[in-house]
Amino acid sequence: MTVCDNRADGMRATAIFIYTGANSSERVRISDTNGSGNSCATQDFSIPEGNRVLLEVCVQNGANGTLQHCSGSKEGRA
């Protein structure tokens, strides 16, 4: 998964990724913290095919800021 900050507005782009399997689920937050127009934040996942995944993208003001302008959860399958 890759999330990129493309706007020089002082906010960071943050993606929340949730995936569920037969016996577990995991929630991962990935943020592009180095400002607009620089490299993106990337994280690899190993998710078995058919597992349910949810994705939501927001902006955040700093590491401890409140998530804002979130996309709403989008659901799919790995």
PDB file of N, CA and C in Angstrom:
ATOM      1  N   MET A   1       0.839  -1.160   0.000  1.00  0.00           N
ATOM      2  CA  MET A   1       0.000   0.000   0.000  1.00  0.00           C
ATOM      3  C   MET A   1       0.889   1.230   0.000  1.00  0.00           C
ATOM      4  N   THR A   2       0.473   2.227  -0.737  1.00  0.00           N
ATOM      5  CA  THR A   2       1.215   3.485  -0.819  1.00  0.00           C
ATOM      6  C   THR A   2       0.252   4.639  -0.584  1.00  0.00           C
ATOM      7  N   VAL A   3       0.679   5.601   0.241  1.00  0.00           N
ATOM      8  CA  VAL A   3      -0.105   6.810   0.471  1.00  0.00           C
ATOM      9  C   VAL A   3       0.827   8.003   0.244  1.00  0.00           C
ATOM     10  N   CYS A   4       0.329   9.006  -0.503  1.00  0.00           N
ATOM     11  CA  CYS A   4       1.149  10.150  -0.892  1.00  0.00           C
ATOM     12  C   CYS A   4       0.469  11.463  -0.515  1.00  0.00           C
ATOM     13  N   ASP A   5       1.255  12.386   0.037  1.00  0.00           N
ATOM     14  CA  ASP A   5       0.783  13.736   0.325  1.00  0.00           C
ATOM     15  C   ASP A   5       1.082  14.578  -0.912  1.00  0.00           C
ATOM     16  N   ASN A   6       0.055  15.046  -1.591  1.00  0.00           N
ATOM     17  CA  ASN A   6       0.226  15.808  -2.823  1.00  0.00           C
ATOM     18  C   ASN A   6      -0.131  17.274  -2.691  1.00  0.00           C
ATOM     19  N   ARG A   7      -0.468  17.726  -1.490  1.00  0.00           N
ATOM     20  CA  ARG A   7      -0.917  19.107  -1.313  1.00  0.00           C
ATOM     21  C   ARG A   7      -0.110  19.777  -0.199  1.00  0.00           C
ATOM     22  N   ALA A   8       0.472  20.924  -0.481  1.00  0.00           N
ATOM     23  CA  ALA A   8       1.275  21.669   0.494  1.00  0.00           C
ATOM     24  C   ALA A   8       0.348  22.497   1.392  1.00  0.00           C
ATOM     25  N   ASP A   9      -0.346  21.806   2.303  1.00  0.00           N
ATOM     26  CA  ASP A   9      -1.312  22.475   3.173  1.00  0.00           C
ATOM     27  C   ASP A   9      -1.009  22.283   4.654  1.00  0.00           C
ATOM     28  N   GLY A  10       0.159  21.706   4.984  1.00  0.00           N
ATOM     29  CA  GLY A  10       0.525  21.478   6.373  1.00  0.00           C
ATOM     30  C   GLY A  10      -0.083  20.220   6.973  1.00  0.00           C
ATOM     31  N   MET A  11      -0.867  19.496   6.211  1.00  0.00           N
ATOM     32  CA  MET A  11      -1.489  18.263   6.682  1.00  0.00           C
ATOM     33  C   MET A  11      -0.728  17.071   6.111  1.00  0.00           C
ATOM     34  N   ARG A  12      -0.922  15.916   6.713  1.00  0.00           N
ATOM     35  CA  ARG A  12      -0.334  14.688   6.171  1.00  0.00           C
ATOM     36  C   ARG A  12      -1.432  13.774   5.668  1.00  0.00           C
ATOM     37  N   ALA A  13      -1.138  13.030   4.620  1.00  0.00           N
ATOM     38  CA  ALA A  13      -2.076  12.042   4.091  1.00  0.00           C
ATOM     39  C   ALA A  13      -1.921  10.763   4.917  1.00  0.00           C
ATOM     40  N   THR A  14      -3.049  10.203   5.341  1.00  0.00           N
ATOM     41  CA  THR A  14      -3.048   9.003   6.178  1.00  0.00           C
ATOM     42  C   THR A  14      -4.055   8.004   5.633  1.00  0.00           C
ATOM     43  N   ALA A  15      -3.636   6.751   5.536  1.00  0.00           N
ATOM     44  CA  ALA A  15      -4.527   5.671   5.118  1.00  0.00           C
ATOM     45  C   ALA A  15      -4.689   4.697   6.271  1.00  0.00           C
ATOM     46  N   ILE A  16      -5.909   4.265   6.522  1.00  0.00           N
ATOM     47  CA  ILE A  16      -6.200   3.235   7.517  1.00  0.00           C
ATOM     48  C   ILE A  16      -6.628   1.999   6.749  1.00  0.00           C
ATOM     49  N   PHE A  17      -5.920   0.919   6.982  1.00  0.00           N
ATOM     50  CA  PHE A  17      -6.118  -0.321   6.250  1.00  0.00           C
ATOM     51  C   PHE A  17      -6.472  -1.406   7.261  1.00  0.00           C
ATOM     52  N   ILE A  18      -7.621  -2.055   7.089  1.00  0.00           N
ATOM     53  CA  ILE A  18      -8.065  -3.118   7.993  1.00  0.00           C
ATOM     54  C   ILE A  18      -8.284  -4.372   7.167  1.00  0.00           C
ATOM     55  N   TYR A  19      -7.694  -5.466   7.598  1.00  0.00           N
ATOM     56  CA  TYR A  19      -7.953  -6.721   6.903  1.00  0.00           C
ATOM     57  C   TYR A  19      -8.307  -7.803   7.906  1.00  0.00           C
ATOM     58  N   THR A  20      -9.227  -8.669   7.516  1.00  0.00           N
ATOM     59  CA  THR A  20      -9.726  -9.712   8.400  1.00  0.00           C
ATOM     60  C   THR A  20      -9.562 -11.064   7.745  1.00  0.00           C
ATOM     61  N   GLY A  21      -9.192 -12.022   8.566  1.00  0.00           N
ATOM     62  CA  GLY A  21      -9.073 -13.403   8.127  1.00  0.00           C
ATOM     63  C   GLY A  21     -10.042 -14.267   8.909  1.00  0.00           C
ATOM     64  N   ALA A  22      -9.889 -15.558   8.815  1.00  0.00           N
ATOM     65  CA  ALA A  22     -10.789 -16.486   9.498  1.00  0.00           C
ATOM     66  C   ALA A  22     -10.691 -16.353  11.015  1.00  0.00           C
ATOM     67  N   ASN A  23      -9.488 -16.080  11.523  1.00  0.00           N
ATOM     68  CA  ASN A  23      -9.289 -16.068  12.982  1.00  0.00           C
ATOM     69  C   ASN A  23      -8.734 -14.768  13.533  1.00  0.00           C
ATOM     70  N   SER A  24      -8.546 -13.760  12.701  1.00  0.00           N
ATOM     71  CA  SER A  24      -7.939 -12.528  13.213  1.00  0.00           C
ATOM     72  C   SER A  24      -8.257 -11.347  12.301  1.00  0.00           C
ATOM     73  N   SER A  25      -7.966 -10.178  12.820  1.00  0.00           N
ATOM     74  CA  SER A  25      -8.038  -8.974  12.000  1.00  0.00           C
ATOM     75  C   SER A  25      -6.910  -8.050  12.438  1.00  0.00           C
ATOM     76  N   GLU A  26      -6.522  -7.156  11.548  1.00  0.00           N
ATOM     77  CA  GLU A  26      -5.455  -6.218  11.865  1.00  0.00           C
ATOM     78  C   GLU A  26      -5.797  -4.862  11.283  1.00  0.00           C
ATOM     79  N   ARG A  27      -5.480  -3.814  12.049  1.00  0.00           N
ATOM     80  CA  ARG A  27      -5.696  -2.429  11.618  1.00  0.00           C
ATOM     81  C   ARG A  27      -4.329  -1.762  11.542  1.00  0.00           C
ATOM     82  N   VAL A  28      -4.023  -1.193  10.383  1.00  0.00           N
ATOM     83  CA  VAL A  28      -2.727  -0.560  10.164  1.00  0.00           C
ATOM     84  C   VAL A  28      -2.960   0.867   9.687  1.00  0.00           C
ATOM     85  N   ARG A  29      -2.213   1.811  10.254  1.00  0.00           N
ATOM     86  CA  ARG A  29      -2.282   3.208   9.824  1.00  0.00           C
ATOM     87  C   ARG A  29      -0.949   3.561   9.165  1.00  0.00           C
ATOM     88  N   ILE A  30      -1.019   4.126   7.953  1.00  0.00           N
ATOM     89  CA  ILE A  30       0.167   4.517   7.210  1.00  0.00           C
ATOM     90  C   ILE A  30       0.037   6.007   6.904  1.00  0.00           C
ATOM     91  N   SER A  31       1.073   6.790   7.219  1.00  0.00           N
ATOM     92  CA  SER A  31       1.037   8.232   6.984  1.00  0.00           C
ATOM     93  C   SER A  31       2.257   8.682   6.199  1.00  0.00           C
ATOM     94  N   ASP A  32       2.032   9.585   5.255  1.00  0.00           N
ATOM     95  CA  ASP A  32       3.120  10.236   4.534  1.00  0.00           C
ATOM     96  C   ASP A  32       3.510  11.458   5.361  1.00  0.00           C
ATOM     97  N   THR A  33       4.619  11.360   6.071  1.00  0.00           N
ATOM     98  CA  THR A  33       4.990  12.356   7.075  1.00  0.00           C
ATOM     99  C   THR A  33       6.056  13.344   6.628  1.00  0.00           C
ATOM    100  N   ASN A  34       6.568  13.230   5.401  1.00  0.00           N
ATOM    101  CA  ASN A  34       7.696  14.079   5.017  1.00  0.00           C
ATOM    102  C   ASN A  34       7.308  15.253   4.113  1.00  0.00           C
ATOM    103  N   GLY A  35       6.058  15.629   4.118  1.00  0.00           N
ATOM    104  CA  GLY A  35       5.619  16.810   3.383  1.00  0.00           C
ATOM    105  C   GLY A  35       5.230  16.526   1.943  1.00  0.00           C
ATOM    106  N   SER A  36       4.585  17.486   1.361  1.00  0.00           N
ATOM    107  CA  SER A  36       4.064  17.363   0.007  1.00  0.00           C
ATOM    108  C   SER A  36       5.187  17.295  -1.021  1.00  0.00           C
ATOM    109  N   GLY A  37       4.988  16.456  -2.028  1.00  0.00           N
ATOM    110  CA  GLY A  37       5.902  16.401  -3.156  1.00  0.00           C
ATOM    111  C   GLY A  37       7.178  15.620  -2.909  1.00  0.00           C
ATOM    112  N   ASN A  38       7.320  14.996  -1.757  1.00  0.00           N
ATOM    113  CA  ASN A  38       8.477  14.150  -1.470  1.00  0.00           C
ATOM    114  C   ASN A  38       8.078  12.697  -1.687  1.00  0.00           C
ATOM    115  N   SER A  39       8.898  11.785  -1.247  1.00  0.00           N
ATOM    116  CA  SER A  39       8.562  10.369  -1.423  1.00  0.00           C
ATOM    117  C   SER A  39       7.304  10.014  -0.634  1.00  0.00           C
ATOM    118  N   CYS A  40       6.632   8.984  -1.064  1.00  0.00           N
ATOM    119  CA  CYS A  40       5.391   8.510  -0.438  1.00  0.00           C
ATOM    120  C   CYS A  40       5.718   7.502   0.661  1.00  0.00           C
ATOM    121  N   ALA A  41       4.742   7.211   1.500  1.00  0.00           N
ATOM    122  CA  ALA A  41       4.881   6.157   2.518  1.00  0.00           C
ATOM    123  C   ALA A  41       4.349   4.859   1.927  1.00  0.00           C
ATOM    124  N   THR A  42       5.100   3.783   2.085  1.00  0.00           N
ATOM    125  CA  THR A  42       4.736   2.491   1.509  1.00  0.00           C
ATOM    126  C   THR A  42       4.890   1.393   2.549  1.00  0.00           C
ATOM    127  N   GLN A  43       3.961   0.454   2.545  1.00  0.00           N
ATOM    128  CA  GLN A  43       4.052  -0.725   3.414  1.00  0.00           C
ATOM    129  C   GLN A  43       3.513  -1.925   2.649  1.00  0.00           C
ATOM    130  N   ASP A  44       4.231  -3.036   2.747  1.00  0.00           N
ATOM    131  CA  ASP A  44       3.814  -4.277   2.090  1.00  0.00           C
ATOM    132  C   ASP A  44       3.020  -5.137   3.058  1.00  0.00           C
ATOM    133  N   PHE A  45       2.048  -5.870   2.523  1.00  0.00           N
ATOM    134  CA  PHE A  45       1.225  -6.779   3.310  1.00  0.00           C
ATOM    135  C   PHE A  45       1.209  -8.139   2.648  1.00  0.00           C
ATOM    136  N   SER A  46       1.059  -9.164   3.447  1.00  0.00           N
ATOM    137  CA  SER A  46       0.867 -10.515   2.932  1.00  0.00           C
ATOM    138  C   SER A  46      -0.513 -10.963   3.395  1.00  0.00           C
ATOM    139  N   ILE A  47      -1.486 -10.845   2.509  1.00  0.00           N
ATOM    140  CA  ILE A  47      -2.873 -11.148   2.860  1.00  0.00           C
ATOM    141  C   ILE A  47      -3.350 -12.281   1.957  1.00  0.00           C
ATOM    142  N   PRO A  48      -3.831 -13.364   2.531  1.00  0.00           N
ATOM    143  CA  PRO A  48      -4.335 -14.464   1.702  1.00  0.00           C
ATOM    144  C   PRO A  48      -5.508 -14.022   0.828  1.00  0.00           C
ATOM    145  N   GLU A  49      -5.589 -14.574  -0.366  1.00  0.00           N
ATOM    146  CA  GLU A  49      -6.682 -14.249  -1.269  1.00  0.00           C
ATOM    147  C   GLU A  49      -8.033 -14.531  -0.629  1.00  0.00           C
ATOM    148  N   GLY A  50      -8.979 -13.667  -0.930  1.00  0.00           N
ATOM    149  CA  GLY A  50     -10.333 -13.836  -0.435  1.00  0.00           C
ATOM    150  C   GLY A  50     -10.603 -13.134   0.881  1.00  0.00           C
ATOM    151  N   ASN A  51      -9.553 -12.680   1.586  1.00  0.00           N
ATOM    152  CA  ASN A  51      -9.769 -11.988   2.855  1.00  0.00           C
ATOM    153  C   ASN A  51     -10.394 -10.614   2.618  1.00  0.00           C
ATOM    154  N   ARG A  52     -11.259 -10.210   3.511  1.00  0.00           N
ATOM    155  CA  ARG A  52     -11.937  -8.917   3.447  1.00  0.00           C
ATOM    156  C   ARG A  52     -10.950  -7.816   3.816  1.00  0.00           C
ATOM    157  N   VAL A  53     -10.948  -6.729   3.053  1.00  0.00           N
ATOM    158  CA  VAL A  53     -10.109  -5.577   3.351  1.00  0.00           C
ATOM    159  C   VAL A  53     -10.957  -4.308   3.320  1.00  0.00           C
ATOM    160  N   LEU A  54     -10.629  -3.379   4.205  1.00  0.00           N
ATOM    161  CA  LEU A  54     -11.280  -2.068   4.253  1.00  0.00           C
ATOM    162  C   LEU A  54     -10.195  -1.003   4.151  1.00  0.00           C
ATOM    163  N   LEU A  55     -10.487   0.071   3.443  1.00  0.00           N
ATOM    164  CA  LEU A  55      -9.537   1.162   3.285  1.00  0.00           C
ATOM    165  C   LEU A  55     -10.259   2.483   3.500  1.00  0.00           C
ATOM    166  N   GLU A  56      -9.601   3.369   4.245  1.00  0.00           N
ATOM    167  CA  GLU A  56     -10.117   4.721   4.453  1.00  0.00           C
ATOM    168  C   GLU A  56      -8.929   5.670   4.360  1.00  0.00           C
ATOM    169  N   VAL A  57      -9.103   6.799   3.691  1.00  0.00           N
ATOM    170  CA  VAL A  57      -8.039   7.781   3.527  1.00  0.00           C
ATOM    171  C   VAL A  57      -8.488   9.096   4.141  1.00  0.00           C
ATOM    172  N   CYS A  58      -7.579   9.715   4.915  1.00  0.00           N
ATOM    173  CA  CYS A  58      -7.883  10.962   5.617  1.00  0.00           C
ATOM    174  C   CYS A  58      -6.682  11.899   5.529  1.00  0.00           C
ATOM    175  N   VAL A  59      -6.858  13.125   5.995  1.00  0.00           N
ATOM    176  CA  VAL A  59      -5.735  14.020   6.256  1.00  0.00           C
ATOM    177  C   VAL A  59      -5.651  14.209   7.758  1.00  0.00           C
ATOM    178  N   GLN A  60      -4.444  14.528   8.232  1.00  0.00           N
ATOM    179  CA  GLN A  60      -4.202  14.633   9.672  1.00  0.00           C
ATOM    180  C   GLN A  60      -3.216  15.769   9.913  1.00  0.00           C
ATOM    181  N   ASN A  61      -3.467  16.571  10.928  1.00  0.00           N
ATOM    182  CA  ASN A  61      -2.588  17.674  11.285  1.00  0.00           C
ATOM    183  C   ASN A  61      -1.584  17.191  12.323  1.00  0.00           C
ATOM    184  N   GLY A  62      -0.411  16.745  11.883  1.00  0.00           N
ATOM    185  CA  GLY A  62       0.636  16.258  12.786  1.00  0.00           C
ATOM    186  C   GLY A  62       0.372  14.842  13.260  1.00  0.00           C
ATOM    187  N   ALA A  63       1.345  14.315  13.981  1.00  0.00           N
ATOM    188  CA  ALA A  63       1.291  12.916  14.425  1.00  0.00           C
ATOM    189  C   ALA A  63       0.128  12.625  15.361  1.00  0.00           C
ATOM    190  N   ASN A  64      -0.265  13.594  16.169  1.00  0.00           N
ATOM    191  CA  ASN A  64      -1.329  13.370  17.145  1.00  0.00           C
ATOM    192  C   ASN A  64      -2.623  14.095  16.791  1.00  0.00           C
ATOM    193  N   GLY A  65      -2.685  14.655  15.599  1.00  0.00           N
ATOM    194  CA  GLY A  65      -3.872  15.398  15.190  1.00  0.00           C
ATOM    195  C   GLY A  65      -5.055  14.485  14.914  1.00  0.00           C
ATOM    196  N   THR A  66      -6.224  15.081  14.920  1.00  0.00           N
ATOM    197  CA  THR A  66      -7.455  14.365  14.618  1.00  0.00           C
ATOM    198  C   THR A  66      -7.536  14.079  13.124  1.00  0.00           C
ATOM    199  N   LEU A  67      -8.000  12.893  12.779  1.00  0.00           N
ATOM    200  CA  LEU A  67      -8.225  12.563  11.372  1.00  0.00           C
ATOM    201  C   LEU A  67      -9.355  13.440  10.842  1.00  0.00           C
ATOM    202  N   GLN A  68      -9.171  14.002   9.644  1.00  0.00           N
ATOM    203  CA  GLN A  68     -10.142  14.917   9.066  1.00  0.00           C
ATOM    204  C   GLN A  68     -10.423  14.554   7.615  1.00  0.00           C
ATOM    205  N   HIS A  69     -11.572  14.954   7.132  1.00  0.00           N
ATOM    206  CA  HIS A  69     -11.951  14.806   5.715  1.00  0.00           C
ATOM    207  C   HIS A  69     -11.752  13.372   5.217  1.00  0.00           C
ATOM    208  N   CYS A  70     -12.175  12.414   6.009  1.00  0.00           N
ATOM    209  CA  CYS A  70     -11.989  11.001   5.659  1.00  0.00           C
ATOM    210  C   CYS A  70     -12.919  10.591   4.515  1.00  0.00           C
ATOM    211  N   SER A  71     -12.451   9.653   3.741  1.00  0.00           N
ATOM    212  CA  SER A  71     -13.170   9.213   2.540  1.00  0.00           C
ATOM    213  C   SER A  71     -14.382   8.351   2.840  1.00  0.00           C
ATOM    214  N   GLY A  72     -14.424   7.786   4.035  1.00  0.00           N
ATOM    215  CA  GLY A  72     -15.400   6.743   4.317  1.00  0.00           C
ATOM    216  C   GLY A  72     -14.779   5.407   3.915  1.00  0.00           C
ATOM    217  N   SER A  73     -15.144   4.341   4.570  1.00  0.00           N
ATOM    218  CA  SER A  73     -14.525   3.035   4.312  1.00  0.00           C
ATOM    219  C   SER A  73     -14.954   2.473   2.965  1.00  0.00           C
ATOM    220  N   LYS A  74     -13.996   1.946   2.238  1.00  0.00           N
ATOM    221  CA  LYS A  74     -14.234   1.251   0.986  1.00  0.00           C
ATOM    222  C   LYS A  74     -13.845  -0.198   1.208  1.00  0.00           C
ATOM    223  N   GLU A  75     -14.710  -1.125   0.840  1.00  0.00           N
ATOM    224  CA  GLU A  75     -14.505  -2.545   1.105  1.00  0.00           C
ATOM    225  C   GLU A  75     -14.149  -3.289  -0.167  1.00  0.00           C
ATOM    226  N   GLY A  76     -13.305  -4.310  -0.001  1.00  0.00           N
ATOM    227  CA  GLY A  76     -12.942  -5.154  -1.119  1.00  0.00           C
ATOM    228  C   GLY A  76     -12.441  -6.507  -0.611  1.00  0.00           C
ATOM    229  N   ARG A  77     -11.908  -7.305  -1.509  1.00  0.00           N
ATOM    230  CA  ARG A  77     -11.340  -8.615  -1.185  1.00  0.00           C
ATOM    231  C   ARG A  77      -9.913  -8.682  -1.738  1.00  0.00           C
ATOM    232  N   ALA A  78      -9.041  -9.296  -0.960  1.00  0.00           N
ATOM    233  CA  ALA A  78      -7.648  -9.476  -1.394  1.00  0.00           C
ATOM    234  C   ALA A  78      -7.597 -10.461  -2.540  1.00  0.00           C
TER     235      ALA A  78
END
